[in-house]
Amino acid sequence: MRTSLFRIFVSVAFLMGCSTPPQRYTSERLDVQTLIQPPARYGAKGVDQVVASLQKRYGVAAGTSLSSLADANQGQTLDDGTVVVKTLTDINATGDVARDVRIDIAAQPCLPVARAAGWIDATRLSATPGSGTATGHVGYRFVSAEVRIDLTGEFGEQECLRVIEIYKQP
């Protein structure tokens, strides 16, 4: 009898585990994947979701632009350990705080830009080696009918992600 109950319990637990719904993005978790995947998957609504998550993280009201004033001296460590050093919204001064977003990432810890690009199937555009006075960079881009996402990393051995730019298409 105990063996039968145990088998039933294990079967039910297995079936429940197999029927979990797909991952949904929520504002509680914030990491690089939750910054770039919603816009790539859901377009303009995904950009709105990302901006709302960032506003919540910085403690500003919905509809408030994020600027150097909002994040001054407030480096944000994301749930994946990535450190955001600056976040700007409405970069092009359109009056729409969710029209475009720029997120600057600290050099350490290093998140390879190619890994982040793979999460959204972004295409590698260019790689420019640096010189004695300028830092080289590597760029990736994702484009859909509703959004464009540019990922920029340092050129070289590790090619760490340094900048995320997300734009709603006109």
N, C-alpha and C. Protein backbone atom coordinates (compact mmCIF):
# COMPACT_ATOMS: atom_id res chain seq x y z
N MET A 1 0.82 -1.19 0.00
CA MET A 1 0.00 0.00 0.00
C MET A 1 0.87 1.27 0.00
N ARG A 2 1.91 1.30 0.86
CA ARG A 2 2.79 2.45 0.91
C ARG A 2 3.51 2.64 -0.42
N THR A 3 3.92 1.54 -1.03
CA THR A 3 4.60 1.62 -2.31
C THR A 3 3.68 2.20 -3.37
N SER A 4 2.43 1.82 -3.38
CA SER A 4 1.46 2.34 -4.34
C SER A 4 1.24 3.84 -4.12
N LEU A 5 1.09 4.26 -2.89
CA LEU A 5 0.91 5.68 -2.59
C LEU A 5 2.14 6.47 -2.99
N PHE A 6 3.31 5.92 -2.74
CA PHE A 6 4.54 6.59 -3.11
C PHE A 6 4.61 6.77 -4.63
N ARG A 7 4.26 5.73 -5.39
CA ARG A 7 4.29 5.81 -6.86
C ARG A 7 3.29 6.84 -7.36
N ILE A 8 2.13 6.89 -6.75
CA ILE A 8 1.13 7.89 -7.15
C ILE A 8 1.66 9.29 -6.86
N PHE A 9 2.24 9.48 -5.69
CA PHE A 9 2.79 10.78 -5.32
C PHE A 9 3.88 11.21 -6.30
N VAL A 10 4.81 10.31 -6.62
CA VAL A 10 5.90 10.63 -7.54
C VAL A 10 5.34 10.94 -8.92
N SER A 11 4.34 10.19 -9.37
CA SER A 11 3.74 10.43 -10.69
C SER A 11 3.07 11.79 -10.74
N VAL A 12 2.33 12.14 -9.71
CA VAL A 12 1.66 13.45 -9.67
C VAL A 12 2.70 14.57 -9.64
N ALA A 13 3.73 14.41 -8.83
CA ALA A 13 4.78 15.43 -8.75
C ALA A 13 5.46 15.60 -10.11
N PHE A 14 5.72 14.49 -10.80
CA PHE A 14 6.35 14.56 -12.11
C PHE A 14 5.45 15.29 -13.10
N LEU A 15 4.18 14.93 -13.13
CA LEU A 15 3.24 15.57 -14.06
C LEU A 15 3.08 17.06 -13.77
N MET A 16 3.06 17.41 -12.51
CA MET A 16 2.94 18.83 -12.15
C MET A 16 4.18 19.59 -12.60
N GLY A 17 5.35 18.99 -12.45
CA GLY A 17 6.58 19.62 -12.87
C GLY A 17 6.65 19.80 -14.37
N CYS A 18 6.08 18.89 -15.11
CA CYS A 18 6.10 18.96 -16.56
C CYS A 18 5.09 19.96 -17.11
N SER A 19 4.14 20.34 -16.28
CA SER A 19 3.09 21.23 -16.79
C SER A 19 3.24 22.66 -16.29
N THR A 20 4.46 23.04 -15.83
CA THR A 20 4.64 24.42 -15.38
C THR A 20 4.56 25.35 -16.57
N PRO A 21 3.97 26.52 -16.37
CA PRO A 21 3.84 27.46 -17.48
C PRO A 21 5.20 28.02 -17.87
N PRO A 22 5.33 28.56 -19.09
CA PRO A 22 6.60 29.14 -19.50
C PRO A 22 6.96 30.33 -18.61
N GLN A 23 8.26 30.63 -18.55
CA GLN A 23 8.73 31.72 -17.71
C GLN A 23 8.10 33.03 -18.14
N ARG A 24 7.61 33.79 -17.18
CA ARG A 24 7.09 35.12 -17.44
C ARG A 24 8.06 36.11 -16.83
N TYR A 25 8.19 37.24 -17.45
CA TYR A 25 9.10 38.25 -16.94
C TYR A 25 8.33 39.11 -15.94
N THR A 26 8.90 39.27 -14.79
CA THR A 26 8.27 40.09 -13.77
C THR A 26 9.25 41.16 -13.33
N SER A 27 8.71 42.21 -12.76
CA SER A 27 9.56 43.31 -12.35
C SER A 27 10.36 42.98 -11.09
N GLU A 28 10.04 41.87 -10.41
CA GLU A 28 10.79 41.52 -9.21
C GLU A 28 12.22 41.11 -9.55
N ARG A 29 12.41 40.35 -10.59
CA ARG A 29 13.74 39.90 -10.98
C ARG A 29 14.25 40.85 -12.05
N LEU A 30 15.48 41.30 -11.87
CA LEU A 30 16.06 42.20 -12.86
C LEU A 30 17.50 41.79 -13.10
N ASP A 31 17.76 41.32 -14.32
CA ASP A 31 19.10 40.95 -14.75
C ASP A 31 19.21 41.31 -16.22
N VAL A 32 20.35 41.05 -16.82
CA VAL A 32 20.53 41.44 -18.22
C VAL A 32 19.52 40.75 -19.12
N GLN A 33 19.22 39.48 -18.87
CA GLN A 33 18.22 38.79 -19.70
C GLN A 33 16.86 39.48 -19.61
N THR A 34 16.44 39.89 -18.42
CA THR A 34 15.13 40.53 -18.30
C THR A 34 15.15 41.98 -18.77
N LEU A 35 16.33 42.50 -19.09
CA LEU A 35 16.41 43.82 -19.71
C LEU A 35 16.31 43.74 -21.23
N ILE A 36 16.81 42.65 -21.82
CA ILE A 36 16.84 42.60 -23.29
C ILE A 36 15.84 41.64 -23.91
N GLN A 37 15.45 40.59 -23.21
CA GLN A 37 14.54 39.63 -23.83
C GLN A 37 13.11 40.14 -24.00
N PRO A 38 12.50 40.82 -23.03
CA PRO A 38 11.12 41.30 -23.27
C PRO A 38 10.98 42.21 -24.49
N PRO A 39 11.88 43.19 -24.71
CA PRO A 39 11.73 43.99 -25.94
C PRO A 39 11.90 43.15 -27.20
N ALA A 40 12.82 42.18 -27.17
CA ALA A 40 13.03 41.34 -28.35
C ALA A 40 11.82 40.46 -28.62
N ARG A 41 11.16 39.99 -27.57
CA ARG A 41 10.01 39.10 -27.74
C ARG A 41 8.68 39.82 -27.90
N TYR A 42 8.50 40.91 -27.13
CA TYR A 42 7.19 41.56 -27.08
C TYR A 42 7.16 42.95 -27.69
N GLY A 43 8.26 43.38 -28.29
CA GLY A 43 8.29 44.67 -28.96
C GLY A 43 8.16 45.85 -28.02
N ALA A 44 7.36 46.83 -28.43
CA ALA A 44 7.22 48.07 -27.67
C ALA A 44 6.69 47.82 -26.26
N LYS A 45 5.80 46.86 -26.10
CA LYS A 45 5.29 46.53 -24.75
C LYS A 45 6.42 46.01 -23.87
N GLY A 46 7.36 45.29 -24.44
CA GLY A 46 8.51 44.82 -23.69
C GLY A 46 9.41 45.96 -23.24
N VAL A 47 9.55 46.99 -24.09
CA VAL A 47 10.33 48.17 -23.71
C VAL A 47 9.66 48.87 -22.54
N ASP A 48 8.34 49.01 -22.62
CA ASP A 48 7.59 49.63 -21.51
C ASP A 48 7.81 48.86 -20.21
N GLN A 49 7.81 47.54 -20.30
CA GLN A 49 8.01 46.68 -19.14
C GLN A 49 9.40 46.89 -18.54
N VAL A 50 10.41 46.97 -19.39
CA VAL A 50 11.78 47.18 -18.92
C VAL A 50 11.92 48.53 -18.24
N VAL A 51 11.36 49.57 -18.84
CA VAL A 51 11.44 50.91 -18.24
C VAL A 51 10.74 50.91 -16.88
N ALA A 52 9.57 50.28 -16.79
CA ALA A 52 8.85 50.22 -15.51
C ALA A 52 9.69 49.48 -14.45
N SER A 53 10.36 48.40 -14.84
CA SER A 53 11.21 47.66 -13.91
C SER A 53 12.38 48.51 -13.44
N LEU A 54 12.98 49.27 -14.36
CA LEU A 54 14.09 50.14 -13.99
C LEU A 54 13.63 51.27 -13.07
N GLN A 55 12.47 51.85 -13.37
CA GLN A 55 11.94 52.92 -12.52
C GLN A 55 11.71 52.40 -11.11
N LYS A 56 11.18 51.20 -11.01
CA LYS A 56 10.93 50.59 -9.71
C LYS A 56 12.26 50.36 -8.98
N ARG A 57 13.26 49.84 -9.70
CA ARG A 57 14.56 49.56 -9.10
C ARG A 57 15.21 50.84 -8.56
N TYR A 58 15.07 51.94 -9.31
CA TYR A 58 15.66 53.21 -8.88
C TYR A 58 14.76 53.98 -7.91
N GLY A 59 13.55 53.49 -7.70
CA GLY A 59 12.67 54.14 -6.75
C GLY A 59 12.07 55.45 -7.23
N VAL A 60 11.81 55.55 -8.53
CA VAL A 60 11.18 56.76 -9.07
C VAL A 60 9.78 56.41 -9.57
N ALA A 61 8.94 57.39 -9.63
CA ALA A 61 7.55 57.19 -10.05
C ALA A 61 7.48 56.82 -11.52
N ALA A 62 6.43 56.07 -11.85
CA ALA A 62 6.16 55.73 -13.25
C ALA A 62 6.04 57.03 -14.04
N GLY A 63 6.56 57.04 -15.25
CA GLY A 63 6.51 58.23 -16.08
C GLY A 63 7.68 59.17 -15.87
N THR A 64 8.57 58.85 -14.92
CA THR A 64 9.73 59.68 -14.65
C THR A 64 10.91 59.20 -15.49
N SER A 65 11.56 60.13 -16.17
CA SER A 65 12.75 59.77 -16.94
C SER A 65 13.86 59.39 -15.99
N LEU A 66 14.64 58.41 -16.39
CA LEU A 66 15.84 58.07 -15.63
C LEU A 66 17.00 58.84 -16.25
N SER A 67 17.74 59.51 -15.42
CA SER A 67 18.84 60.34 -15.89
C SER A 67 20.00 60.19 -14.93
N SER A 68 21.05 60.92 -15.22
CA SER A 68 22.21 60.90 -14.33
C SER A 68 21.82 61.39 -12.94
N LEU A 69 20.79 62.23 -12.85
CA LEU A 69 20.35 62.71 -11.54
C LEU A 69 19.65 61.60 -10.76
N ALA A 70 18.87 60.77 -11.44
CA ALA A 70 18.13 59.69 -10.76
C ALA A 70 19.06 58.60 -10.26
N ASP A 71 20.13 58.34 -11.01
CA ASP A 71 21.00 57.23 -10.59
C ASP A 71 22.37 57.68 -10.11
N ALA A 72 22.52 58.97 -9.79
CA ALA A 72 23.80 59.48 -9.32
C ALA A 72 24.26 58.70 -8.08
N ASN A 73 25.46 58.21 -8.15
CA ASN A 73 26.07 57.46 -7.04
C ASN A 73 25.25 56.27 -6.60
N GLN A 74 24.44 55.71 -7.46
CA GLN A 74 23.62 54.55 -7.11
C GLN A 74 23.88 53.41 -8.08
N GLY A 75 25.08 52.95 -8.17
CA GLY A 75 25.32 51.77 -9.00
C GLY A 75 24.38 50.66 -8.57
N GLN A 76 23.74 50.03 -9.50
CA GLN A 76 22.76 48.98 -9.21
C GLN A 76 23.35 47.62 -9.57
N THR A 77 23.38 46.72 -8.59
CA THR A 77 23.80 45.35 -8.87
C THR A 77 22.55 44.55 -9.20
N LEU A 78 22.52 44.00 -10.41
CA LEU A 78 21.38 43.22 -10.85
C LEU A 78 21.43 41.83 -10.23
N ASP A 79 20.35 41.10 -10.38
CA ASP A 79 20.23 39.78 -9.78
C ASP A 79 21.23 38.76 -10.33
N ASP A 80 21.81 39.02 -11.50
CA ASP A 80 22.82 38.12 -12.05
C ASP A 80 24.24 38.56 -11.71
N GLY A 81 24.38 39.62 -10.89
CA GLY A 81 25.68 40.12 -10.48
C GLY A 81 26.22 41.23 -11.36
N THR A 82 25.60 41.47 -12.50
CA THR A 82 26.01 42.56 -13.38
C THR A 82 25.77 43.89 -12.67
N VAL A 83 26.71 44.82 -12.84
CA VAL A 83 26.59 46.12 -12.19
C VAL A 83 26.26 47.18 -13.23
N VAL A 84 25.13 47.86 -13.03
CA VAL A 84 24.71 48.96 -13.89
C VAL A 84 25.26 50.24 -13.28
N VAL A 85 26.03 50.99 -14.07
CA VAL A 85 26.61 52.22 -13.56
C VAL A 85 25.81 53.46 -13.95
N LYS A 86 25.01 53.36 -15.02
CA LYS A 86 24.20 54.50 -15.44
C LYS A 86 23.02 54.00 -16.26
N THR A 87 21.87 54.61 -16.04
CA THR A 87 20.68 54.29 -16.82
C THR A 87 20.04 55.59 -17.28
N LEU A 88 19.78 55.69 -18.56
CA LEU A 88 19.14 56.88 -19.12
C LEU A 88 17.93 56.44 -19.93
N THR A 89 16.83 57.18 -19.79
CA THR A 89 15.67 56.96 -20.65
C THR A 89 15.38 58.26 -21.37
N ASP A 90 14.60 58.18 -22.44
CA ASP A 90 14.29 59.33 -23.28
C ASP A 90 15.57 60.02 -23.74
N ILE A 91 16.48 59.22 -24.24
CA ILE A 91 17.80 59.72 -24.68
C ILE A 91 17.64 60.81 -25.73
N ASN A 92 16.69 60.63 -26.62
CA ASN A 92 16.51 61.57 -27.74
C ASN A 92 15.54 62.69 -27.43
N ALA A 93 15.17 62.86 -26.15
CA ALA A 93 14.33 63.97 -25.69
C ALA A 93 13.02 64.09 -26.48
N THR A 94 12.33 62.98 -26.63
CA THR A 94 11.05 62.98 -27.34
C THR A 94 9.89 63.26 -26.39
N GLY A 95 10.14 63.20 -25.08
CA GLY A 95 9.07 63.37 -24.11
C GLY A 95 8.42 62.06 -23.71
N ASP A 96 8.78 60.97 -24.38
CA ASP A 96 8.27 59.64 -24.06
C ASP A 96 9.36 58.92 -23.29
N VAL A 97 9.16 58.74 -21.97
CA VAL A 97 10.22 58.16 -21.13
C VAL A 97 10.53 56.72 -21.49
N ALA A 98 9.65 56.06 -22.21
CA ALA A 98 9.89 54.66 -22.59
C ALA A 98 10.23 54.53 -24.07
N ARG A 99 10.60 55.61 -24.73
CA ARG A 99 10.91 55.55 -26.16
C ARG A 99 12.27 54.92 -26.41
N ASP A 100 13.24 55.25 -25.57
CA ASP A 100 14.57 54.70 -25.73
C ASP A 100 15.26 54.61 -24.37
N VAL A 101 16.16 53.65 -24.25
CA VAL A 101 16.82 53.35 -22.99
C VAL A 101 18.30 53.08 -23.26
N ARG A 102 19.15 53.62 -22.41
CA ARG A 102 20.58 53.31 -22.46
C ARG A 102 21.00 52.85 -21.07
N ILE A 103 21.68 51.70 -21.02
CA ILE A 103 22.13 51.13 -19.77
C ILE A 103 23.62 50.87 -19.90
N ASP A 104 24.42 51.53 -19.06
CA ASP A 104 25.87 51.35 -19.06
C ASP A 104 26.23 50.33 -17.99
N ILE A 105 27.05 49.38 -18.37
CA ILE A 105 27.43 48.25 -17.52
C ILE A 105 28.89 48.38 -17.10
N ALA A 106 29.19 48.07 -15.84
CA ALA A 106 30.57 48.08 -15.35
C ALA A 106 31.38 46.98 -16.03
N ALA A 107 32.68 47.18 -16.08
CA ALA A 107 33.57 46.21 -16.73
C ALA A 107 33.61 44.87 -15.99
N GLN A 108 33.46 44.91 -14.69
CA GLN A 108 33.51 43.68 -13.89
C GLN A 108 32.27 43.58 -13.03
N PRO A 109 31.67 42.46 -12.87
CA PRO A 109 32.06 41.21 -13.50
C PRO A 109 31.74 41.22 -14.99
N CYS A 110 32.50 40.48 -15.74
CA CYS A 110 32.37 40.46 -17.19
C CYS A 110 31.24 39.54 -17.64
N LEU A 111 30.32 40.10 -18.40
CA LEU A 111 29.31 39.30 -19.09
C LEU A 111 29.68 39.36 -20.57
N PRO A 112 30.10 38.26 -21.18
CA PRO A 112 30.48 38.30 -22.59
C PRO A 112 29.32 38.81 -23.46
N VAL A 113 29.61 39.82 -24.27
CA VAL A 113 28.57 40.41 -25.11
C VAL A 113 28.00 39.38 -26.07
N ALA A 114 28.79 38.43 -26.52
CA ALA A 114 28.30 37.39 -27.43
C ALA A 114 27.24 36.52 -26.75
N ARG A 115 27.40 36.27 -25.45
CA ARG A 115 26.39 35.48 -24.73
C ARG A 115 25.07 36.25 -24.67
N ALA A 116 25.14 37.53 -24.32
CA ALA A 116 23.92 38.34 -24.26
C ALA A 116 23.27 38.43 -25.65
N ALA A 117 24.09 38.58 -26.68
CA ALA A 117 23.56 38.65 -28.04
C ALA A 117 22.84 37.36 -28.42
N GLY A 118 23.36 36.25 -27.96
CA GLY A 118 22.74 34.95 -28.24
C GLY A 118 21.36 34.81 -27.63
N TRP A 119 21.12 35.46 -26.49
CA TRP A 119 19.80 35.39 -25.85
C TRP A 119 18.71 36.00 -26.70
N ILE A 120 19.08 36.93 -27.60
CA ILE A 120 18.06 37.59 -28.43
C ILE A 120 18.33 37.41 -29.92
N ASP A 121 19.24 36.54 -30.27
CA ASP A 121 19.62 36.29 -31.67
C ASP A 121 20.06 37.57 -32.38
N ALA A 122 20.85 38.38 -31.68
CA ALA A 122 21.38 39.60 -32.28
C ALA A 122 22.52 39.25 -33.24
N THR A 123 22.70 40.06 -34.24
CA THR A 123 23.71 39.85 -35.26
C THR A 123 24.95 40.69 -34.95
N ARG A 124 26.11 40.07 -35.09
CA ARG A 124 27.36 40.82 -34.89
C ARG A 124 27.56 41.75 -36.07
N LEU A 125 27.75 43.04 -35.77
CA LEU A 125 27.89 44.03 -36.83
C LEU A 125 29.35 44.38 -37.10
N SER A 126 30.07 44.69 -36.04
CA SER A 126 31.42 45.19 -36.24
C SER A 126 32.30 44.87 -35.05
N ALA A 127 33.58 44.93 -35.31
CA ALA A 127 34.58 44.82 -34.25
C ALA A 127 35.71 45.77 -34.63
N THR A 128 35.95 46.72 -33.76
CA THR A 128 36.96 47.73 -34.03
C THR A 128 38.03 47.67 -32.96
N PRO A 129 39.26 47.32 -33.35
CA PRO A 129 40.32 47.28 -32.34
C PRO A 129 40.63 48.69 -31.86
N GLY A 130 41.08 48.79 -30.64
CA GLY A 130 41.43 50.09 -30.08
C GLY A 130 42.82 50.52 -30.50
N SER A 131 43.19 51.68 -30.04
CA SER A 131 44.52 52.21 -30.28
C SER A 131 45.08 52.65 -28.93
N GLY A 132 46.18 53.35 -28.95
CA GLY A 132 46.78 53.81 -27.71
C GLY A 132 45.89 54.79 -26.95
N THR A 133 44.99 55.48 -27.65
CA THR A 133 44.15 56.49 -27.00
C THR A 133 42.66 56.14 -26.98
N ALA A 134 42.26 55.19 -27.78
CA ALA A 134 40.84 54.85 -27.86
C ALA A 134 40.63 53.36 -27.57
N THR A 135 39.53 53.07 -26.90
CA THR A 135 39.18 51.69 -26.59
C THR A 135 38.43 51.09 -27.78
N GLY A 136 38.76 49.87 -28.13
CA GLY A 136 38.06 49.20 -29.21
C GLY A 136 36.72 48.68 -28.73
N HIS A 137 35.85 48.39 -29.68
CA HIS A 137 34.52 47.90 -29.32
C HIS A 137 34.02 46.88 -30.34
N VAL A 138 33.03 46.11 -29.89
CA VAL A 138 32.36 45.15 -30.74
C VAL A 138 30.86 45.41 -30.60
N GLY A 139 30.14 45.34 -31.70
CA GLY A 139 28.71 45.65 -31.66
C GLY A 139 27.84 44.54 -32.21
N TYR A 140 26.69 44.38 -31.57
CA TYR A 140 25.66 43.44 -32.00
C TYR A 140 24.35 44.20 -32.10
N ARG A 141 23.45 43.74 -32.98
CA ARG A 141 22.16 44.41 -33.14
C ARG A 141 21.04 43.40 -33.36
N PHE A 142 19.93 43.67 -32.69
CA PHE A 142 18.67 42.95 -32.91
C PHE A 142 17.69 43.98 -33.45
N VAL A 143 16.99 43.64 -34.53
CA VAL A 143 16.01 44.55 -35.11
C VAL A 143 14.72 43.79 -35.39
N SER A 144 13.60 44.40 -34.99
CA SER A 144 12.28 43.89 -35.35
C SER A 144 11.46 45.07 -35.84
N ALA A 145 10.21 44.82 -36.18
CA ALA A 145 9.34 45.90 -36.64
C ALA A 145 9.11 46.95 -35.55
N GLU A 146 9.20 46.54 -34.27
CA GLU A 146 8.89 47.45 -33.17
C GLU A 146 10.08 47.97 -32.38
N VAL A 147 11.18 47.23 -32.36
CA VAL A 147 12.32 47.65 -31.54
C VAL A 147 13.66 47.39 -32.23
N ARG A 148 14.65 48.12 -31.75
CA ARG A 148 16.05 47.86 -32.11
C ARG A 148 16.83 47.80 -30.80
N ILE A 149 17.67 46.79 -30.67
CA ILE A 149 18.50 46.64 -29.48
C ILE A 149 19.95 46.57 -29.94
N ASP A 150 20.77 47.49 -29.42
CA ASP A 150 22.19 47.50 -29.72
C ASP A 150 22.95 47.08 -28.46
N LEU A 151 23.85 46.14 -28.62
CA LEU A 151 24.71 45.68 -27.53
C LEU A 151 26.15 46.00 -27.92
N THR A 152 26.86 46.69 -27.04
CA THR A 152 28.23 47.07 -27.33
C THR A 152 29.14 46.50 -26.25
N GLY A 153 30.22 45.92 -26.67
CA GLY A 153 31.19 45.37 -25.73
C GLY A 153 32.58 45.89 -26.04
N GLU A 154 33.49 45.62 -25.13
CA GLU A 154 34.88 45.97 -25.35
C GLU A 154 35.49 45.00 -26.36
N PHE A 155 36.32 45.51 -27.22
CA PHE A 155 37.01 44.66 -28.18
C PHE A 155 38.18 43.98 -27.48
N GLY A 156 38.40 42.75 -27.81
CA GLY A 156 39.56 42.08 -27.25
C GLY A 156 39.27 40.68 -26.83
N GLU A 157 40.04 40.22 -25.88
CA GLU A 157 39.98 38.83 -25.47
C GLU A 157 38.62 38.44 -24.87
N GLN A 158 38.13 39.21 -23.90
CA GLN A 158 36.88 38.83 -23.24
C GLN A 158 35.63 39.40 -23.90
N GLU A 159 35.72 40.56 -24.49
CA GLU A 159 34.57 41.25 -25.11
C GLU A 159 33.38 41.31 -24.15
N CYS A 160 33.57 42.02 -23.06
CA CYS A 160 32.55 42.16 -22.03
C CYS A 160 31.49 43.18 -22.46
N LEU A 161 30.25 42.89 -22.14
CA LEU A 161 29.14 43.81 -22.43
C LEU A 161 29.34 45.09 -21.64
N ARG A 162 29.22 46.23 -22.31
CA ARG A 162 29.38 47.52 -21.62
C ARG A 162 28.18 48.44 -21.79
N VAL A 163 27.44 48.33 -22.90
CA VAL A 163 26.31 49.23 -23.14
C VAL A 163 25.17 48.45 -23.78
N ILE A 164 23.95 48.70 -23.26
CA ILE A 164 22.72 48.19 -23.86
C ILE A 164 21.91 49.41 -24.27
N GLU A 165 21.49 49.46 -25.52
CA GLU A 165 20.62 50.54 -26.00
C GLU A 165 19.39 49.90 -26.62
N ILE A 166 18.22 50.34 -26.17
CA ILE A 166 16.95 49.79 -26.65
C ILE A 166 16.11 50.94 -27.18
N TYR A 167 15.65 50.81 -28.42
CA TYR A 167 14.88 51.86 -29.07
C TYR A 167 13.56 51.30 -29.60
N LYS A 168 12.49 52.03 -29.39
CA LYS A 168 11.25 51.71 -30.10
C LYS A 168 11.39 52.24 -31.51
N GLN A 169 11.00 51.43 -32.48
CA GLN A 169 11.06 51.87 -33.87
C GLN A 169 9.95 52.89 -34.12
N PRO A 170 10.24 53.88 -34.97
CA PRO A 170 9.20 54.89 -35.28
C PRO A 170 8.03 54.29 -36.04
